[in-house]
Amino acid sequence: MAGLRIEGEQEPLLGDTPGSREWDILETEEHYKSRWRSIRILYLTMFLSSKYVILTIQIRSDTRFLGWVIASYSLGQMVASPIFGLWSNYRPRKEPLIVSIFISVAANCLYAYVHIPASHNKYYMLVARGLLGIGAGNVAVVRSYTAGATSLQERTSSMANISMCQALGFILGPVFQTCFAFIGEKGVTWDVIKLRINMYTTPVLLSAFLGILNIILILAILREHRVDDSGRQCKNINFEEASSDEMQVPQGNIDQVAVVAINVLFFVALFIFAVFETIIAPLTMDMYAWTQEQAVLYNGIILAALGVEAVVIFVGVKLLSKKIGERAILLGGLIIVWVGFFILLPWGNQFPRIQWEDLHNNSIPNTTFGEIIIGLWKSPMEDGNERPTGCWIEQAWCLYTPVIHLAQFLTSVVLIGVGYPVCNLMSYTLYSKVLGPKPQGVYMGWLTASGSGARILGPVFISQVYAHWGPRWAFSLVCGIVVLTITLLRVVYRRLIALSVRYGRIQE
């Protein structure tokens, strides 16, 4: 057994230089290195799981069905997360991780062959997308493992790194897909196994290969580790080996009020971003008379910039949390989000350009950004004429609602891009601390499920309100939801503390 030593706090990925801890924590050299190797493997798992590839381009389906395809991902994740979380509480975490990644690999392979059936291809696409969502349920396992394998001092930094890996996957996914555009839509066919290799299937085949590589790394490197809030090793049912240096998990009842409150806070954070992501395309097309091509280009740039902004915010939050704490940062994030949506409220006496033409069959007035991309690939204008642009006349509010100026919109984008990642990260960081060193799989599963539910309900809510009442009512209601959320946070503010702090085992 390696000699004992006092280890400094580790900040993997964004700073591997050990610092000093507030507590004297004895940890073996071997255990320390194994623990952080395992955590870093899960960073890679989160990056690969969140690498967004547009699977729906190949299917020439109607946009209504496309909505079900998009929603199936979140629905699959919502169902699978608690199941994988429960599994990870009683069995080695390798098992649910490997099974979930294998499901994602199978989903990618299914997509690669979705062109073979003579009919009903879109239903195979629906299944593939749903299976990808089920595979993404492993986020609950990743978060619960990281929470259980880090001390309180290490927790925020580690959770920030997980979020950064997700953000990088979000940024690089479309870039990753674009790199294969040169192959073309026709590509080549491997007749022996009936595999078509083109610009659509190559990214998912590579994703399947990376998934298999991820499974191999998990089998070879990931080990079960659990420490208490001070960083001392704890005995756990998932441990493969027992040691005389290991301690029993400290006892104490979890504050269920705080648990429910953070689930609500996390739901609202994901709901807000889902609302924004859904409304960005129809809003810019209505307000600025952008064509679908312009909406895809400009909004794609905006979403990519938000991903880069999120990475910067995560780095800043890691440093700021050491000075003012997670609760204050969460409150600040919610206030920034509220200001962002408040700025989006229409004002002035300038009105948007009206789209007067009968567009029942030629436009999609309330489509999401993803649906517009499909529309561009699906059916080019056969008559060679440009599509009409402007605010759709059948939306009565277009006639009396002032335009949202571009400066307003861009300012709001920046603020929401600051507030959302802060709220997202601080919610599940506080959640992991409130739960304490006990197995968190089920609780993390419910947290992930609440976020998936928000991504399902958010687009439904905003599309209906926006279509019938316009941006003034839509964004006013969002502002009201954020105000209620801030009020909830203020009510439970003192309860959002680590379990060990609540029971006096550690000073806050």
Protein backbone atom coordinates (compact mmCIF):
# COMPACT_ATOMS: atom_id res chain seq x y z
CA MET A 1 0.00 0.00 0.00
CA ALA A 2 1.38 3.38 -0.95
CA GLY A 3 2.38 5.76 1.80
CA LEU A 4 -0.20 8.14 3.20
CA ARG A 5 -0.09 11.81 2.27
CA ILE A 6 -2.12 14.99 2.52
CA GLU A 7 -3.45 15.84 -0.93
CA GLY A 8 -4.51 19.23 -2.22
CA GLU A 9 -7.75 20.01 -3.91
CA GLN A 10 -7.68 18.91 -7.53
CA GLU A 11 -9.32 20.91 -10.32
CA PRO A 12 -9.13 18.59 -13.31
CA LEU A 13 -9.20 19.84 -16.90
CA LEU A 14 -9.00 23.49 -15.96
CA GLY A 15 -6.18 23.39 -13.48
CA ASP A 16 -4.32 20.31 -12.37
CA THR A 17 -2.12 22.11 -9.89
CA PRO A 18 -3.04 20.94 -6.38
CA GLY A 19 -3.87 23.60 -3.83
CA SER A 20 -4.37 23.36 -0.09
CA ARG A 21 -7.39 21.92 1.68
CA GLU A 22 -9.01 23.29 4.79
CA TRP A 23 -9.13 19.80 6.31
CA ASP A 24 -6.31 17.36 6.95
CA ILE A 25 -7.42 14.50 4.74
CA LEU A 26 -5.31 11.39 4.56
CA GLU A 27 -5.54 9.62 1.25
CA THR A 28 -3.26 7.11 -0.35
CA GLU A 29 -1.39 8.04 -3.50
CA GLU A 30 -2.92 5.10 -5.34
CA HIS A 31 -6.49 5.92 -4.29
CA TYR A 32 -6.08 9.59 -5.16
CA LYS A 33 -4.85 8.92 -8.70
CA SER A 34 -7.44 6.20 -9.32
CA ARG A 35 -10.25 8.48 -8.12
CA TRP A 36 -9.38 11.30 -10.49
CA ARG A 37 -8.73 8.99 -13.43
CA SER A 38 -12.24 7.62 -12.95
CA ILE A 39 -13.77 11.09 -12.74
CA ARG A 40 -11.98 12.20 -15.91
CA ILE A 41 -13.30 9.19 -17.79
CA LEU A 42 -16.78 10.38 -16.87
CA TYR A 43 -15.96 13.84 -18.22
CA LEU A 44 -15.25 12.13 -21.54
CA THR A 45 -18.50 10.18 -21.25
CA MET A 46 -20.46 13.41 -20.78
CA PHE A 47 -18.76 15.02 -23.79
CA LEU A 48 -19.53 12.09 -26.06
CA SER A 49 -23.11 11.78 -24.77
CA SER A 50 -23.88 15.44 -25.39
CA LYS A 51 -22.26 15.66 -28.84
CA TYR A 52 -25.34 16.82 -30.74
CA VAL A 53 -25.77 15.38 -34.22
CA ILE A 54 -28.87 16.25 -36.27
CA LEU A 55 -30.39 12.86 -36.99
CA THR A 56 -33.55 14.06 -38.67
CA ILE A 57 -32.26 15.51 -41.92
CA GLN A 58 -32.36 12.26 -43.83
CA ILE A 59 -36.10 11.70 -43.32
CA ARG A 60 -38.45 13.47 -45.71
CA SER A 61 -41.21 13.70 -43.11
CA ASP A 62 -43.66 16.40 -42.19
CA THR A 63 -42.67 18.91 -39.54
CA ARG A 64 -45.49 17.86 -37.21
CA PHE A 65 -44.03 14.39 -36.93
CA LEU A 66 -40.61 15.97 -36.56
CA GLY A 67 -41.84 17.48 -33.30
CA TRP A 68 -42.44 13.98 -31.95
CA VAL A 69 -38.98 12.92 -33.11
CA ILE A 70 -37.37 15.81 -31.25
CA ALA A 71 -39.47 15.23 -28.11
CA SER A 72 -38.73 11.49 -28.05
CA TYR A 73 -35.15 12.19 -26.96
CA SER A 74 -36.18 14.06 -23.81
CA LEU A 75 -38.96 11.58 -23.13
CA GLY A 76 -36.52 8.66 -23.33
CA GLN A 77 -34.08 10.42 -21.01
CA MET A 78 -36.85 11.29 -18.56
CA VAL A 79 -37.91 7.65 -18.28
CA ALA A 80 -34.41 6.16 -18.20
CA SER A 81 -32.67 8.52 -15.75
CA PRO A 82 -34.36 7.32 -12.52
CA ILE A 83 -33.93 3.69 -13.61
CA PHE A 84 -30.21 4.07 -14.26
CA GLY A 85 -29.89 6.07 -11.04
CA LEU A 86 -31.55 3.33 -8.98
CA TRP A 87 -29.38 0.73 -10.68
CA SER A 88 -26.21 2.67 -9.80
CA ASN A 89 -27.17 2.81 -6.13
CA TYR A 90 -27.02 -0.97 -5.67
CA ARG A 91 -24.64 -2.20 -8.35
CA PRO A 92 -21.25 -1.06 -9.70
CA ARG A 93 -21.70 2.12 -11.72
CA LYS A 94 -19.94 0.47 -14.67
CA GLU A 95 -23.05 -1.59 -15.36
CA PRO A 96 -25.60 1.20 -16.07
CA LEU A 97 -22.92 3.27 -17.82
CA ILE A 98 -21.96 0.48 -20.21
CA VAL A 99 -25.59 -0.49 -20.89
CA SER A 100 -26.60 3.13 -21.57
CA ILE A 101 -23.66 3.71 -23.93
CA PHE A 102 -24.42 0.43 -25.70
CA ILE A 103 -28.01 1.63 -26.24
CA SER A 104 -26.66 4.85 -27.77
CA VAL A 105 -24.36 2.85 -30.05
CA ALA A 106 -27.32 0.71 -31.14
CA ALA A 107 -29.38 3.85 -31.81
CA ASN A 108 -26.65 5.27 -34.04
CA CYS A 109 -26.39 1.99 -35.94
CA LEU A 110 -30.17 1.92 -36.38
CA TYR A 111 -30.06 5.38 -37.89
CA ALA A 112 -27.37 4.28 -40.34
CA TYR A 113 -29.80 1.67 -41.72
CA VAL A 114 -32.99 3.70 -41.53
CA HIS A 115 -33.01 4.14 -45.32
CA ILE A 116 -33.41 0.40 -46.01
CA PRO A 117 -37.13 -0.15 -45.19
CA ALA A 118 -39.36 0.65 -48.16
CA SER A 119 -41.81 2.60 -46.00
CA HIS A 120 -42.37 4.04 -42.52
CA ASN A 121 -38.77 5.21 -42.27
CA LYS A 122 -39.78 8.05 -40.01
CA TYR A 123 -40.93 5.61 -37.33
CA TYR A 124 -37.50 3.99 -37.31
CA MET A 125 -36.09 7.47 -36.89
CA LEU A 126 -38.44 8.02 -33.95
CA VAL A 127 -37.18 4.82 -32.31
CA ALA A 128 -33.53 5.75 -32.94
CA ARG A 129 -34.00 9.18 -31.41
CA GLY A 130 -35.84 7.74 -28.41
CA LEU A 131 -33.06 5.19 -27.84
CA LEU A 132 -30.51 8.00 -27.90
CA GLY A 133 -32.53 9.71 -25.16
CA ILE A 134 -32.57 6.51 -23.11
CA GLY A 135 -28.80 6.25 -23.51
CA ALA A 136 -28.43 9.87 -22.38
CA GLY A 137 -30.09 8.87 -19.09
CA ASN A 138 -26.58 8.01 -17.89
CA VAL A 139 -26.11 11.68 -16.95
CA ALA A 140 -27.73 10.77 -13.61
CA VAL A 141 -25.07 8.11 -13.03
CA VAL A 142 -22.24 10.46 -14.01
CA ARG A 143 -23.43 13.20 -11.67
CA SER A 144 -24.09 10.84 -8.76
CA TYR A 145 -20.68 9.19 -9.17
CA THR A 146 -18.92 12.57 -9.30
CA ALA A 147 -20.85 13.83 -6.27
CA GLY A 148 -19.94 10.72 -4.29
CA ALA A 149 -16.27 10.71 -5.32
CA THR A 150 -15.49 14.34 -4.44
CA SER A 151 -15.28 16.34 -1.24
CA LEU A 152 -17.27 19.53 -0.70
CA GLN A 153 -14.25 21.61 -1.74
CA GLU A 154 -13.84 19.66 -4.96
CA ARG A 155 -17.54 19.41 -5.82
CA THR A 156 -18.26 22.73 -7.56
CA SER A 157 -15.13 22.49 -9.69
CA SER A 158 -15.91 18.92 -10.75
CA MET A 159 -19.54 19.70 -11.55
CA ALA A 160 -18.42 22.74 -13.56
CA ASN A 161 -16.12 20.50 -15.58
CA ILE A 162 -19.03 18.15 -16.32
CA SER A 163 -21.08 21.10 -17.55
CA MET A 164 -18.19 22.33 -19.67
CA CYS A 165 -17.88 18.94 -21.33
CA GLN A 166 -21.61 19.07 -22.11
CA ALA A 167 -21.24 22.58 -23.52
CA LEU A 168 -18.26 21.56 -25.64
CA GLY A 169 -20.28 18.65 -27.00
CA PHE A 170 -23.08 21.05 -27.88
CA ILE A 171 -20.62 23.37 -29.67
CA LEU A 172 -18.55 20.77 -31.48
CA GLY A 173 -21.40 18.43 -32.45
CA PRO A 174 -22.62 20.49 -35.43
CA VAL A 175 -19.00 21.23 -36.40
CA PHE A 176 -18.26 17.53 -36.17
CA GLN A 177 -21.18 16.86 -38.54
CA THR A 178 -20.28 19.62 -40.99
CA CYS A 179 -16.81 18.12 -41.47
CA PHE A 180 -18.42 15.22 -43.34
CA ALA A 181 -20.52 17.35 -45.69
CA PHE A 182 -17.91 16.88 -48.45
CA ILE A 183 -18.94 13.20 -48.70
CA GLY A 184 -22.25 14.32 -50.17
CA GLU A 185 -25.78 12.97 -49.88
CA LYS A 186 -25.20 10.06 -52.24
CA GLY A 187 -21.90 8.83 -50.82
CA VAL A 188 -20.93 5.20 -51.28
CA THR A 189 -22.66 1.92 -50.42
CA TRP A 190 -21.05 -1.12 -48.82
CA ASP A 191 -23.17 -3.77 -50.52
CA VAL A 192 -22.07 -6.69 -48.34
CA ILE A 193 -23.72 -5.25 -45.25
CA LYS A 194 -26.02 -2.83 -47.11
CA LEU A 195 -24.45 0.15 -45.37
CA ARG A 196 -24.73 3.53 -47.03
CA ILE A 197 -21.91 5.88 -46.08
CA ASN A 198 -22.81 9.50 -46.77
CA MET A 199 -22.89 12.91 -45.09
CA TYR A 200 -25.75 11.78 -42.82
CA THR A 201 -24.57 8.34 -41.72
CA THR A 202 -20.83 8.98 -41.33
CA PRO A 203 -21.17 11.16 -38.18
CA VAL A 204 -23.37 8.61 -36.41
CA LEU A 205 -21.13 5.71 -37.40
CA LEU A 206 -18.17 7.57 -35.94
CA SER A 207 -20.26 8.31 -32.84
CA ALA A 208 -20.95 4.59 -32.53
CA PHE A 209 -17.23 3.86 -32.77
CA LEU A 210 -16.43 6.46 -30.09
CA GLY A 211 -19.14 4.91 -27.91
CA ILE A 212 -17.44 1.51 -28.16
CA LEU A 213 -14.11 3.16 -27.31
CA ASN A 214 -15.78 4.81 -24.31
CA ILE A 215 -17.02 1.42 -23.09
CA ILE A 216 -13.49 0.01 -23.32
CA LEU A 217 -12.07 2.93 -21.33
CA ILE A 218 -14.75 2.53 -18.65
CA LEU A 219 -13.97 -1.18 -18.32
CA ALA A 220 -10.23 -0.53 -18.15
CA ILE A 221 -10.02 2.60 -15.97
CA LEU A 222 -13.21 3.33 -14.02
CA ARG A 223 -13.11 2.18 -10.39
CA GLU A 224 -15.69 2.59 -7.63
CA HIS A 225 -14.81 5.41 -5.25
CA ARG A 226 -16.79 7.12 -2.53
CA VAL A 227 -15.61 9.79 -0.11
CA ASP A 228 -17.43 11.77 2.56
CA ASP A 229 -17.81 15.53 2.46
CA SER A 230 -14.33 15.93 3.97
CA GLY A 231 -12.73 13.65 1.40
CA ARG A 232 -12.23 10.52 3.52
CA GLN A 233 -12.97 7.16 1.93
CA CYS A 234 -16.33 5.63 2.80
CA LYS A 235 -17.59 2.07 2.55
CA ASN A 236 -20.20 1.56 -0.12
CA ILE A 237 -22.05 -1.35 -1.64
CA ASN A 238 -20.44 -0.52 -4.97
CA PHE A 239 -16.91 -0.84 -3.62
CA GLU A 240 -15.01 -3.71 -5.13
CA GLU A 241 -12.50 -3.85 -2.28
CA ALA A 242 -12.77 -2.97 1.38
CA SER A 243 -10.03 -1.25 3.34
CA SER A 244 -9.44 -0.71 7.02
CA ASP A 245 -8.96 2.98 6.26
CA GLU A 246 -12.50 3.33 4.92
CA MET A 247 -15.25 4.87 7.04
CA GLN A 248 -18.97 4.24 7.24
CA VAL A 249 -21.14 6.78 5.40
CA PRO A 250 -22.17 9.45 7.93
CA GLN A 251 -25.82 9.26 8.96
CA GLY A 252 -28.37 12.05 8.77
CA ASN A 253 -31.78 12.70 7.26
CA ILE A 254 -31.88 14.48 3.92
CA ASP A 255 -33.85 17.74 3.86
CA GLN A 256 -36.69 16.74 1.52
CA VAL A 257 -37.98 20.32 1.30
CA ALA A 258 -34.61 21.40 -0.11
CA VAL A 259 -34.63 18.41 -2.48
CA VAL A 260 -38.04 19.30 -3.91
CA ALA A 261 -37.13 22.99 -4.13
CA ILE A 262 -33.96 22.31 -6.13
CA ASN A 263 -35.86 20.01 -8.48
CA VAL A 264 -38.22 22.92 -9.14
CA LEU A 265 -35.30 25.32 -9.61
CA PHE A 266 -33.61 22.94 -12.04
CA PHE A 267 -36.89 22.42 -13.92
CA VAL A 268 -37.30 26.17 -14.36
CA ALA A 269 -33.68 26.60 -15.51
CA LEU A 270 -34.09 23.95 -18.23
CA PHE A 271 -37.61 25.20 -19.04
CA ILE A 272 -36.30 28.73 -19.65
CA PHE A 273 -33.58 27.61 -22.02
CA ALA A 274 -35.97 25.27 -23.87
CA VAL A 275 -38.33 28.24 -24.28
CA PHE A 276 -35.54 30.43 -25.61
CA GLU A 277 -34.14 27.77 -27.94
CA THR A 278 -37.62 27.11 -29.35
CA ILE A 279 -38.67 30.72 -29.87
CA ILE A 280 -35.45 32.07 -31.35
CA ALA A 281 -36.24 30.95 -34.92
CA PRO A 282 -39.88 32.12 -35.29
CA LEU A 283 -39.14 35.30 -33.34
CA THR A 284 -36.30 36.43 -35.62
CA MET A 285 -38.24 35.48 -38.75
CA ASP A 286 -41.28 37.44 -37.58
CA MET A 287 -39.45 40.49 -36.22
CA TYR A 288 -36.65 40.91 -38.77
CA ALA A 289 -38.22 39.28 -41.87
CA TRP A 290 -35.37 36.78 -42.06
CA THR A 291 -35.66 33.99 -44.57
CA GLN A 292 -35.32 30.39 -43.40
CA GLU A 293 -31.76 30.35 -44.75
CA GLN A 294 -30.87 33.49 -42.80
CA ALA A 295 -32.53 32.13 -39.66
CA VAL A 296 -30.48 28.93 -39.87
CA LEU A 297 -27.22 30.80 -40.41
CA TYR A 298 -27.63 33.62 -37.89
CA ASN A 299 -29.32 31.61 -35.17
CA GLY A 300 -26.78 28.83 -35.62
CA ILE A 301 -24.03 31.37 -34.99
CA ILE A 302 -25.92 32.67 -31.95
CA LEU A 303 -26.36 29.19 -30.43
CA ALA A 304 -22.71 28.34 -31.04
CA ALA A 305 -21.68 31.63 -29.41
CA LEU A 306 -23.88 30.78 -26.41
CA GLY A 307 -22.01 27.49 -26.07
CA VAL A 308 -18.67 29.32 -26.03
CA GLU A 309 -20.08 31.84 -23.56
CA ALA A 310 -21.22 28.98 -21.31
CA VAL A 311 -17.70 27.53 -21.16
CA VAL A 312 -16.33 30.93 -20.09
CA ILE A 313 -19.09 31.27 -17.48
CA PHE A 314 -18.31 27.83 -16.03
CA VAL A 315 -14.67 28.82 -15.59
CA GLY A 316 -15.68 32.05 -13.87
CA VAL A 317 -18.20 30.33 -11.61
CA LYS A 318 -15.55 27.90 -10.38
CA LEU A 319 -13.54 30.85 -9.09
CA LEU A 320 -16.45 32.97 -7.90
CA SER A 321 -18.11 30.17 -5.89
CA LYS A 322 -15.11 30.06 -3.55
CA LYS A 323 -15.71 33.67 -2.61
CA ILE A 324 -19.49 34.11 -2.36
CA GLY A 325 -20.96 30.59 -2.39
CA GLU A 326 -23.31 28.68 -4.67
CA ARG A 327 -26.61 30.02 -3.31
CA ALA A 328 -25.76 33.66 -3.99
CA ILE A 329 -24.54 32.78 -7.50
CA LEU A 330 -27.78 30.89 -8.21
CA LEU A 331 -29.83 33.88 -7.07
CA GLY A 332 -27.75 36.18 -9.25
CA GLY A 333 -28.20 33.86 -12.24
CA LEU A 334 -31.99 33.92 -11.89
CA ILE A 335 -31.99 37.71 -11.67
CA ILE A 336 -29.88 37.95 -14.84
CA VAL A 337 -32.29 35.60 -16.66
CA TRP A 338 -35.24 37.74 -15.56
CA VAL A 339 -33.54 40.90 -16.86
CA GLY A 340 -32.82 39.10 -20.15
CA PHE A 341 -36.48 38.23 -20.76
CA PHE A 342 -37.68 41.60 -19.49
CA ILE A 343 -35.53 43.32 -22.12
CA LEU A 344 -37.26 41.20 -24.78
CA LEU A 345 -40.63 42.83 -24.07
CA PRO A 346 -41.76 44.85 -27.14
CA TRP A 347 -41.95 48.63 -26.86
CA GLY A 348 -42.05 51.70 -29.13
CA ASN A 349 -44.14 52.56 -32.18
CA GLN A 350 -42.32 50.61 -34.89
CA PHE A 351 -44.08 47.45 -36.05
CA PRO A 352 -42.77 44.33 -37.78
CA ARG A 353 -43.12 43.78 -41.50
CA ILE A 354 -46.34 41.88 -42.23
CA GLN A 355 -46.41 38.72 -44.35
CA TRP A 356 -49.70 39.14 -46.21
CA GLU A 357 -49.53 36.24 -48.64
CA ASP A 358 -51.50 33.05 -48.15
CA LEU A 359 -48.75 30.83 -46.75
CA HIS A 360 -50.62 27.77 -45.53
CA ASN A 361 -48.53 25.45 -47.66
CA ASN A 362 -45.37 27.46 -48.21
CA SER A 363 -44.17 28.50 -44.77
CA ILE A 364 -43.77 27.25 -41.25
CA PRO A 365 -44.60 30.26 -39.07
CA ASN A 366 -43.97 28.61 -35.70
CA THR A 367 -41.16 26.17 -36.25
CA THR A 368 -38.19 25.52 -34.03
CA PHE A 369 -34.62 26.06 -35.19
CA GLY A 370 -34.25 22.32 -35.81
CA GLU A 371 -37.46 22.16 -37.86
CA ILE A 372 -36.27 24.98 -40.11
CA ILE A 373 -33.07 23.05 -40.87
CA ILE A 374 -35.19 20.09 -41.93
CA GLY A 375 -37.34 22.33 -44.11
CA LEU A 376 -34.30 23.56 -46.00
CA TRP A 377 -33.15 20.02 -46.79
CA LYS A 378 -36.62 18.67 -47.40
CA SER A 379 -38.19 20.68 -50.20
CA PRO A 380 -36.44 23.43 -52.16
CA MET A 381 -38.80 25.93 -53.78
CA GLU A 382 -39.89 24.28 -56.98
CA ASP A 383 -40.96 27.47 -58.71
CA GLY A 384 -37.68 29.24 -58.01
CA ASN A 385 -39.44 32.09 -56.18
CA GLU A 386 -38.32 33.36 -52.80
CA ARG A 387 -40.45 32.51 -49.81
CA PRO A 388 -42.44 35.41 -48.35
CA THR A 389 -40.96 36.88 -45.17
CA GLY A 390 -42.26 38.85 -42.23
CA CYS A 391 -44.75 38.41 -39.41
CA TRP A 392 -47.47 35.97 -40.44
CA ILE A 393 -50.79 37.82 -40.86
CA GLU A 394 -52.83 35.01 -39.31
CA GLN A 395 -51.05 35.87 -36.04
CA ALA A 396 -53.34 38.79 -35.13
CA TRP A 397 -50.82 40.25 -32.69
CA CYS A 398 -48.52 41.14 -35.60
CA LEU A 399 -50.78 44.11 -36.36
CA TYR A 400 -50.49 45.78 -32.94
CA THR A 401 -47.31 44.43 -31.26
CA PRO A 402 -44.21 46.65 -31.63
CA VAL A 403 -41.09 45.14 -33.11
CA ILE A 404 -38.35 43.84 -30.80
CA HIS A 405 -35.28 45.78 -31.90
CA LEU A 406 -32.20 43.80 -32.86
CA ALA A 407 -30.20 45.49 -30.08
CA GLN A 408 -32.82 44.30 -27.57
CA PHE A 409 -32.64 40.78 -28.89
CA LEU A 410 -28.84 40.56 -28.87
CA THR A 411 -28.62 42.05 -25.37
CA SER A 412 -31.15 39.51 -24.17
CA VAL A 413 -29.21 36.68 -25.81
CA VAL A 414 -26.05 37.67 -23.94
CA LEU A 415 -27.83 37.92 -20.58
CA ILE A 416 -29.69 34.63 -20.94
CA GLY A 417 -26.41 33.07 -22.07
CA VAL A 418 -24.91 34.17 -18.75
CA GLY A 419 -27.83 33.32 -16.48
CA TYR A 420 -28.81 29.89 -17.80
CA PRO A 421 -25.46 28.05 -17.33
CA VAL A 422 -25.11 29.60 -13.87
CA CYS A 423 -28.57 28.38 -12.80
CA ASN A 424 -28.03 24.97 -14.36
CA LEU A 425 -24.65 24.34 -12.72
CA MET A 426 -25.50 25.76 -9.30
CA SER A 427 -28.77 23.81 -9.11
CA TYR A 428 -27.27 20.35 -9.33
CA THR A 429 -24.12 21.35 -7.42
CA LEU A 430 -26.25 22.45 -4.45
CA TYR A 431 -28.40 19.35 -4.95
CA SER A 432 -25.40 17.04 -4.60
CA LYS A 433 -24.34 18.82 -1.41
CA VAL A 434 -27.81 18.74 0.13
CA LEU A 435 -27.97 14.98 -0.47
CA GLY A 436 -24.64 14.37 1.28
CA PRO A 437 -22.33 11.37 0.84
CA LYS A 438 -25.11 8.78 0.60
CA PRO A 439 -25.74 7.12 -2.81
CA GLN A 440 -27.40 9.76 -4.99
CA GLY A 441 -28.35 7.75 -8.07
CA VAL A 442 -32.13 7.84 -7.63
CA TYR A 443 -32.17 11.49 -6.59
CA MET A 444 -29.97 12.47 -9.53
CA GLY A 445 -32.25 10.43 -11.76
CA TRP A 446 -35.26 12.44 -10.66
CA LEU A 447 -33.35 15.69 -11.15
CA THR A 448 -32.42 14.67 -14.69
CA ALA A 449 -36.02 13.59 -15.33
CA SER A 450 -37.30 16.99 -14.19
CA GLY A 451 -34.93 18.66 -16.67
CA SER A 452 -36.12 16.35 -19.45
CA GLY A 453 -39.72 17.18 -18.60
CA ALA A 454 -38.87 20.87 -18.86
CA ARG A 455 -37.41 20.35 -22.33
CA ILE A 456 -40.67 18.69 -23.37
CA LEU A 457 -43.08 21.21 -21.83
CA GLY A 458 -41.09 24.37 -22.61
CA PRO A 459 -41.49 24.23 -26.41
CA VAL A 460 -45.20 23.34 -26.09
CA PHE A 461 -45.83 26.26 -23.73
CA ILE A 462 -43.99 28.94 -25.68
CA SER A 463 -45.22 27.88 -29.13
CA GLN A 464 -48.87 28.04 -28.05
CA VAL A 465 -48.60 31.34 -26.15
CA TYR A 466 -46.46 32.98 -28.84
CA ALA A 467 -48.75 31.92 -31.69
CA HIS A 468 -51.95 33.13 -30.01
CA TRP A 469 -50.86 36.15 -27.95
CA GLY A 470 -47.43 37.16 -29.23
CA PRO A 471 -44.08 37.94 -27.62
CA ARG A 472 -45.43 40.46 -25.11
CA TRP A 473 -47.57 37.87 -23.31
CA ALA A 474 -45.07 35.07 -23.86
CA PHE A 475 -42.12 36.87 -22.31
CA SER A 476 -44.25 38.47 -19.58
CA LEU A 477 -45.34 35.00 -18.46
CA VAL A 478 -41.73 33.81 -18.51
CA CYS A 479 -40.74 36.81 -16.38
CA GLY A 480 -43.54 35.91 -13.95
CA ILE A 481 -42.29 32.32 -13.72
CA VAL A 482 -38.77 33.54 -12.96
CA VAL A 483 -40.06 35.93 -10.26
CA LEU A 484 -41.91 33.06 -8.58
CA THR A 485 -38.74 30.96 -8.80
CA ILE A 486 -36.67 33.73 -7.18
CA THR A 487 -39.28 33.93 -4.42
CA LEU A 488 -39.03 30.16 -3.88
CA LEU A 489 -35.24 30.41 -3.67
CA ARG A 490 -35.47 33.15 -1.06
CA VAL A 491 -37.87 31.04 1.02
CA VAL A 492 -35.63 27.96 1.05
CA TYR A 493 -32.32 29.86 0.90
CA ARG A 494 -31.14 28.84 4.38
CA ARG A 495 -32.00 25.20 3.77
CA LEU A 496 -29.78 24.84 0.71
CA ILE A 497 -26.67 23.76 2.63
CA ALA A 498 -24.57 20.63 2.63
CA LEU A 499 -25.77 17.72 4.77
CA SER A 500 -22.52 17.71 6.78
CA VAL A 501 -22.86 21.44 7.42
CA ARG A 502 -26.46 21.02 8.57
CA TYR A 503 -25.42 18.40 11.12
CA GLY A 504 -22.39 20.36 12.28
CA ARG A 505 -19.74 17.92 11.05
CA ILE A 506 -18.19 20.60 8.82
CA GLN A 507 -18.21 24.38 9.09
CA GLU A 508 -19.68 26.18 6.09
